[in-house]
Amino acid sequence: MLATYADDASIANALRAARLFIGEATMKTHVNNTFADIGAQHRREAVRYA
């Protein structure tokens, strides 16, 4: 999931979810959990981590 942010951080969660064949709410949950795991508060920090 984090790789989708490294590719292009400006893509909306809805488009990321569609590309991964999951729902938008599921995508948001994955994003929030991943950000918490790596200690990122913003997409920019997550991309830097990736």
N, C-alpha and C. Protein backbone atom coordinates (compact mmCIF):
# COMPACT_ATOMS: atom_id res chain seq x y z
N MET A 1 0.83 -1.18 0.00
CA MET A 1 0.00 0.00 0.00
C MET A 1 0.87 1.24 0.00
N LEU A 2 1.93 1.23 0.80
CA LEU A 2 2.78 2.41 0.87
C LEU A 2 3.45 2.69 -0.48
N ALA A 3 3.66 1.67 -1.26
CA ALA A 3 4.27 1.86 -2.58
C ALA A 3 3.38 2.72 -3.48
N THR A 4 2.08 2.67 -3.29
CA THR A 4 1.19 3.51 -4.11
C THR A 4 1.41 4.98 -3.80
N TYR A 5 1.83 5.30 -2.59
CA TYR A 5 2.13 6.69 -2.24
C TYR A 5 3.47 7.11 -2.81
N ALA A 6 4.43 6.20 -2.83
CA ALA A 6 5.74 6.52 -3.37
C ALA A 6 5.65 6.81 -4.86
N ASP A 7 4.73 6.13 -5.56
CA ASP A 7 4.56 6.35 -7.00
C ASP A 7 4.04 7.75 -7.30
N ASP A 8 3.00 8.17 -6.59
CA ASP A 8 2.41 9.49 -6.81
C ASP A 8 1.56 9.86 -5.60
N ALA A 9 2.07 10.75 -4.77
CA ALA A 9 1.41 11.12 -3.53
C ALA A 9 0.15 11.95 -3.74
N SER A 10 -0.07 12.46 -4.95
CA SER A 10 -1.21 13.35 -5.16
C SER A 10 -2.49 12.60 -5.57
N ILE A 11 -2.41 11.30 -5.78
CA ILE A 11 -3.60 10.53 -6.18
C ILE A 11 -4.55 10.39 -4.98
N ALA A 12 -5.83 10.56 -5.23
CA ALA A 12 -6.84 10.45 -4.18
C ALA A 12 -6.99 9.00 -3.71
N ASN A 13 -7.42 8.85 -2.47
CA ASN A 13 -7.62 7.52 -1.91
C ASN A 13 -8.61 6.69 -2.72
N ALA A 14 -9.62 7.34 -3.28
CA ALA A 14 -10.63 6.62 -4.07
C ALA A 14 -9.98 5.96 -5.29
N LEU A 15 -9.07 6.66 -5.95
CA LEU A 15 -8.40 6.09 -7.11
C LEU A 15 -7.44 4.98 -6.69
N ARG A 16 -6.73 5.18 -5.59
CA ARG A 16 -5.84 4.13 -5.08
C ARG A 16 -6.64 2.87 -4.76
N ALA A 17 -7.78 3.05 -4.12
CA ALA A 17 -8.63 1.91 -3.77
C ALA A 17 -9.09 1.18 -5.01
N ALA A 18 -9.50 1.91 -6.02
CA ALA A 18 -9.95 1.29 -7.27
C ALA A 18 -8.83 0.49 -7.92
N ARG A 19 -7.63 1.01 -7.89
CA ARG A 19 -6.48 0.30 -8.48
C ARG A 19 -6.16 -0.99 -7.73
N LEU A 20 -6.45 -1.00 -6.43
CA LEU A 20 -6.16 -2.18 -5.61
C LEU A 20 -7.38 -3.09 -5.45
N PHE A 21 -8.50 -2.71 -6.08
CA PHE A 21 -9.75 -3.49 -6.03
C PHE A 21 -10.27 -3.64 -4.60
N ILE A 22 -10.22 -2.55 -3.84
CA ILE A 22 -10.76 -2.52 -2.48
C ILE A 22 -11.63 -1.28 -2.34
N GLY A 23 -12.43 -1.22 -1.29
CA GLY A 23 -13.29 -0.07 -1.07
C GLY A 23 -12.50 1.12 -0.54
N GLU A 24 -13.06 2.31 -0.72
CA GLU A 24 -12.39 3.53 -0.26
C GLU A 24 -12.22 3.53 1.26
N ALA A 25 -13.24 3.07 1.99
CA ALA A 25 -13.14 3.02 3.45
C ALA A 25 -12.02 2.07 3.89
N THR A 26 -11.88 0.95 3.19
CA THR A 26 -10.80 0.01 3.48
C THR A 26 -9.46 0.67 3.21
N MET A 27 -9.37 1.41 2.14
CA MET A 27 -8.13 2.11 1.80
C MET A 27 -7.77 3.11 2.88
N LYS A 28 -8.75 3.87 3.34
CA LYS A 28 -8.49 4.86 4.39
C LYS A 28 -8.02 4.20 5.67
N THR A 29 -8.60 3.04 5.99
CA THR A 29 -8.17 2.30 7.17
C THR A 29 -6.73 1.85 7.03
N HIS A 30 -6.38 1.32 5.86
CA HIS A 30 -5.00 0.89 5.62
C HIS A 30 -4.04 2.08 5.71
N VAL A 31 -4.43 3.20 5.13
CA VAL A 31 -3.59 4.40 5.17
C VAL A 31 -3.37 4.84 6.62
N ASN A 32 -4.43 4.94 7.38
CA ASN A 32 -4.31 5.37 8.78
C ASN A 32 -3.46 4.41 9.60
N ASN A 33 -3.65 3.11 9.40
CA ASN A 33 -2.85 2.12 10.13
C ASN A 33 -1.38 2.18 9.74
N THR A 34 -1.12 2.34 8.46
CA THR A 34 0.27 2.42 7.99
C THR A 34 0.94 3.68 8.52
N PHE A 35 0.24 4.80 8.45
CA PHE A 35 0.81 6.05 8.98
C PHE A 35 1.13 5.90 10.46
N ALA A 36 0.25 5.27 11.21
CA ALA A 36 0.49 5.07 12.64
C ALA A 36 1.70 4.16 12.86
N ASP A 37 1.82 3.12 12.06
CA ASP A 37 2.94 2.18 12.20
C ASP A 37 4.29 2.84 11.96
N ILE A 38 4.35 3.75 11.00
CA ILE A 38 5.63 4.38 10.68
C ILE A 38 5.81 5.74 11.35
N GLY A 39 4.80 6.17 12.08
CA GLY A 39 4.89 7.43 12.80
C GLY A 39 4.72 8.66 11.91
N ALA A 40 4.07 8.50 10.76
CA ALA A 40 3.84 9.62 9.84
C ALA A 40 2.50 10.28 10.15
N GLN A 41 2.47 11.59 10.02
CA GLN A 41 1.22 12.31 10.22
C GLN A 41 0.67 12.84 8.90
N HIS A 42 1.50 12.86 7.86
CA HIS A 42 1.11 13.40 6.56
C HIS A 42 1.64 12.49 5.45
N ARG A 43 1.01 12.60 4.29
CA ARG A 43 1.46 11.81 3.14
C ARG A 43 2.92 12.07 2.81
N ARG A 44 3.31 13.31 2.92
CA ARG A 44 4.70 13.69 2.62
C ARG A 44 5.68 12.90 3.46
N GLU A 45 5.38 12.72 4.75
CA GLU A 45 6.25 11.95 5.64
C GLU A 45 6.25 10.47 5.25
N ALA A 46 5.11 9.96 4.84
CA ALA A 46 5.03 8.55 4.42
C ALA A 46 5.84 8.32 3.16
N VAL A 47 5.78 9.26 2.23
CA VAL A 47 6.56 9.13 1.00
C VAL A 47 8.04 9.17 1.31
N ARG A 48 8.43 10.03 2.21
CA ARG A 48 9.84 10.13 2.60
C ARG A 48 10.29 8.81 3.21
N TYR A 49 9.42 8.18 4.00
CA TYR A 49 9.73 6.89 4.62
C TYR A 49 9.88 5.80 3.57
N ALA A 50 9.00 5.83 2.56
CA ALA A 50 9.01 4.80 1.52
C ALA A 50 10.29 4.88 0.73
